[in-house]
Amino acid sequence: MAKVSLSRRRTKRRHLREKATIDHLVRAVYDRSANRTIHAPLTLTGLSVEEQVRKVWHPSAVGLAVF
């Protein structure tokens, strides 16, 4: 009985340590004060971004990968 409770406590402590480490790394990488760039929905030619991508990419010329 003592072994089961001891292993559960160890598992819980390890989980808390791992969570603390992950949270610390996320805080270090993700900077909330960073300037966010908002891109315009239109390109310089006046087309929407989706239409511009479709215009440049021709699936018939390259084709899709066949696996």
N, C-alpha and C. Protein backbone atom coordinates (compact mmCIF):
# COMPACT_ATOMS: atom_id res chain seq x y z
N MET A 1 0.82 -1.19 0.00
CA MET A 1 0.00 0.00 0.00
C MET A 1 0.86 1.26 0.00
N ALA A 2 1.96 1.23 0.74
CA ALA A 2 2.83 2.39 0.83
C ALA A 2 3.52 2.65 -0.50
N LYS A 3 3.84 1.58 -1.24
CA LYS A 3 4.50 1.74 -2.52
C LYS A 3 3.61 2.43 -3.54
N VAL A 4 2.33 2.11 -3.52
CA VAL A 4 1.39 2.70 -4.46
C VAL A 4 1.26 4.20 -4.21
N SER A 5 1.09 4.59 -2.95
CA SER A 5 0.94 6.01 -2.66
C SER A 5 2.24 6.75 -2.92
N LEU A 6 3.37 6.11 -2.68
CA LEU A 6 4.66 6.74 -2.94
C LEU A 6 4.84 6.95 -4.44
N SER A 7 4.48 5.96 -5.26
CA SER A 7 4.64 6.12 -6.70
C SER A 7 3.67 7.17 -7.24
N ARG A 8 2.46 7.26 -6.70
CA ARG A 8 1.51 8.29 -7.13
C ARG A 8 2.03 9.68 -6.78
N ARG A 9 2.60 9.81 -5.59
CA ARG A 9 3.16 11.13 -5.20
C ARG A 9 4.32 11.51 -6.12
N ARG A 10 5.16 10.54 -6.42
CA ARG A 10 6.29 10.81 -7.31
C ARG A 10 5.81 11.21 -8.70
N THR A 11 4.80 10.50 -9.19
CA THR A 11 4.25 10.82 -10.51
C THR A 11 3.66 12.22 -10.52
N LYS A 12 2.93 12.56 -9.47
CA LYS A 12 2.32 13.89 -9.40
C LYS A 12 3.39 14.98 -9.32
N ARG A 13 4.44 14.76 -8.53
CA ARG A 13 5.53 15.74 -8.42
C ARG A 13 6.25 15.90 -9.75
N ARG A 14 6.48 14.77 -10.45
CA ARG A 14 7.15 14.84 -11.75
C ARG A 14 6.30 15.61 -12.74
N HIS A 15 4.99 15.36 -12.72
CA HIS A 15 4.09 16.08 -13.61
C HIS A 15 4.14 17.59 -13.32
N LEU A 16 4.10 17.97 -12.07
CA LEU A 16 4.16 19.39 -11.71
C LEU A 16 5.48 20.02 -12.15
N ARG A 17 6.59 19.30 -11.99
CA ARG A 17 7.89 19.82 -12.43
C ARG A 17 7.92 20.00 -13.94
N GLU A 18 7.40 18.99 -14.67
CA GLU A 18 7.40 19.09 -16.13
C GLU A 18 6.51 20.24 -16.60
N LYS A 19 5.37 20.42 -15.96
CA LYS A 19 4.47 21.50 -16.32
C LYS A 19 5.12 22.85 -16.04
N ALA A 20 5.81 22.96 -14.93
CA ALA A 20 6.50 24.20 -14.61
C ALA A 20 7.58 24.50 -15.63
N THR A 21 8.31 23.48 -16.06
CA THR A 21 9.35 23.67 -17.07
C THR A 21 8.75 24.12 -18.39
N ILE A 22 7.68 23.48 -18.81
CA ILE A 22 7.04 23.84 -20.08
C ILE A 22 6.50 25.26 -20.01
N ASP A 23 5.83 25.61 -18.91
CA ASP A 23 5.30 26.96 -18.76
C ASP A 23 6.42 28.00 -18.81
N HIS A 24 7.55 27.69 -18.18
CA HIS A 24 8.69 28.61 -18.19
C HIS A 24 9.21 28.80 -19.61
N LEU A 25 9.33 27.72 -20.38
CA LEU A 25 9.83 27.82 -21.74
C LEU A 25 8.86 28.58 -22.63
N VAL A 26 7.58 28.35 -22.45
CA VAL A 26 6.59 29.06 -23.25
C VAL A 26 6.64 30.56 -22.96
N ARG A 27 6.78 30.92 -21.69
CA ARG A 27 6.87 32.34 -21.34
C ARG A 27 8.12 32.97 -21.95
N ALA A 28 9.21 32.21 -22.03
CA ALA A 28 10.44 32.74 -22.59
C ALA A 28 10.33 32.94 -24.09
N VAL A 29 9.61 32.06 -24.78
CA VAL A 29 9.51 32.13 -26.23
C VAL A 29 8.43 33.12 -26.66
N TYR A 30 7.30 33.09 -25.99
CA TYR A 30 6.16 33.90 -26.40
C TYR A 30 6.22 35.23 -25.68
N ASP A 31 6.41 36.28 -26.43
CA ASP A 31 6.49 37.61 -25.86
C ASP A 31 5.19 38.34 -26.17
N ARG A 32 4.42 38.64 -25.14
CA ARG A 32 3.12 39.28 -25.34
C ARG A 32 3.25 40.72 -25.81
N SER A 33 4.37 41.36 -25.51
CA SER A 33 4.52 42.76 -25.88
C SER A 33 5.06 42.94 -27.30
N ALA A 34 5.30 41.83 -28.00
CA ALA A 34 5.84 41.93 -29.36
C ALA A 34 4.82 42.60 -30.28
N ASN A 35 5.33 43.37 -31.20
CA ASN A 35 4.45 44.05 -32.15
C ASN A 35 3.88 43.02 -33.12
N ARG A 36 2.59 43.02 -33.25
CA ARG A 36 1.92 42.11 -34.17
C ARG A 36 1.75 42.79 -35.51
N THR A 37 2.05 42.08 -36.57
CA THR A 37 1.90 42.61 -37.91
C THR A 37 0.58 42.13 -38.47
N ILE A 38 -0.22 43.05 -38.94
CA ILE A 38 -1.49 42.71 -39.56
C ILE A 38 -1.35 43.02 -41.05
N HIS A 39 -1.47 41.96 -41.84
CA HIS A 39 -1.32 42.11 -43.28
C HIS A 39 -2.65 42.48 -43.91
N ALA A 40 -2.56 43.24 -44.97
CA ALA A 40 -3.76 43.65 -45.68
C ALA A 40 -4.36 42.45 -46.42
N PRO A 41 -5.68 42.39 -46.57
CA PRO A 41 -6.29 41.26 -47.28
C PRO A 41 -6.11 41.35 -48.79
N LEU A 42 -5.62 42.50 -49.28
CA LEU A 42 -5.42 42.68 -50.71
C LEU A 42 -3.93 42.87 -51.01
N THR A 43 -3.51 42.39 -52.18
CA THR A 43 -2.14 42.59 -52.61
C THR A 43 -2.02 43.94 -53.31
N LEU A 44 -0.82 44.28 -53.74
CA LEU A 44 -0.61 45.56 -54.43
C LEU A 44 -1.35 45.64 -55.76
N THR A 45 -1.63 44.48 -56.37
CA THR A 45 -2.35 44.46 -57.64
C THR A 45 -3.86 44.59 -57.46
N GLY A 46 -4.33 44.56 -56.22
CA GLY A 46 -5.75 44.69 -55.96
C GLY A 46 -6.47 43.37 -55.80
N LEU A 47 -5.79 42.26 -56.04
CA LEU A 47 -6.39 40.94 -55.87
C LEU A 47 -6.36 40.54 -54.39
N SER A 48 -7.30 39.71 -54.01
CA SER A 48 -7.22 39.18 -52.65
C SER A 48 -6.04 38.22 -52.60
N VAL A 49 -5.55 37.97 -51.42
CA VAL A 49 -4.37 37.12 -51.26
C VAL A 49 -4.65 35.73 -51.82
N GLU A 50 -5.85 35.19 -51.58
CA GLU A 50 -6.18 33.85 -52.08
C GLU A 50 -6.17 33.81 -53.60
N GLU A 51 -6.72 34.84 -54.25
CA GLU A 51 -6.74 34.88 -55.71
C GLU A 51 -5.32 35.01 -56.26
N GLN A 52 -4.48 35.77 -55.58
CA GLN A 52 -3.09 35.94 -56.04
C GLN A 52 -2.35 34.61 -55.95
N VAL A 53 -2.57 33.86 -54.90
CA VAL A 53 -1.91 32.56 -54.75
C VAL A 53 -2.40 31.62 -55.84
N ARG A 54 -3.70 31.60 -56.10
CA ARG A 54 -4.24 30.75 -57.17
C ARG A 54 -3.69 31.16 -58.52
N LYS A 55 -3.47 32.46 -58.72
CA LYS A 55 -2.96 32.95 -59.98
C LYS A 55 -1.53 32.47 -60.21
N VAL A 56 -0.73 32.42 -59.16
CA VAL A 56 0.68 32.03 -59.28
C VAL A 56 0.84 30.52 -59.36
N TRP A 57 0.06 29.78 -58.60
CA TRP A 57 0.22 28.33 -58.52
C TRP A 57 -0.71 27.67 -59.52
N HIS A 58 -0.15 26.94 -60.45
CA HIS A 58 -0.94 26.23 -61.45
C HIS A 58 -0.82 24.73 -61.20
N PRO A 59 -1.86 24.11 -60.65
CA PRO A 59 -1.76 22.68 -60.37
C PRO A 59 -1.63 21.83 -61.63
N SER A 60 -2.10 22.31 -62.76
CA SER A 60 -2.01 21.51 -63.97
C SER A 60 -0.57 21.44 -64.49
N ALA A 61 0.21 22.48 -64.28
CA ALA A 61 1.59 22.49 -64.77
C ALA A 61 2.48 21.59 -63.91
N VAL A 62 2.27 21.61 -62.63
CA VAL A 62 3.13 20.85 -61.73
C VAL A 62 2.47 19.54 -61.36
N GLY A 63 1.21 19.59 -61.10
CA GLY A 63 0.50 18.39 -60.68
C GLY A 63 0.63 18.16 -59.19
N LEU A 64 -0.25 17.35 -58.69
CA LEU A 64 -0.20 17.00 -57.28
C LEU A 64 0.60 15.73 -57.10
N ALA A 65 1.21 15.61 -55.95
CA ALA A 65 2.01 14.42 -55.67
C ALA A 65 1.09 13.20 -55.54
N VAL A 66 1.48 12.12 -56.15
CA VAL A 66 0.71 10.89 -56.07
C VAL A 66 1.49 9.93 -55.21
N PHE A 67 0.85 9.45 -54.17
CA PHE A 67 1.54 8.53 -53.24
C PHE A 67 1.02 7.13 -53.41
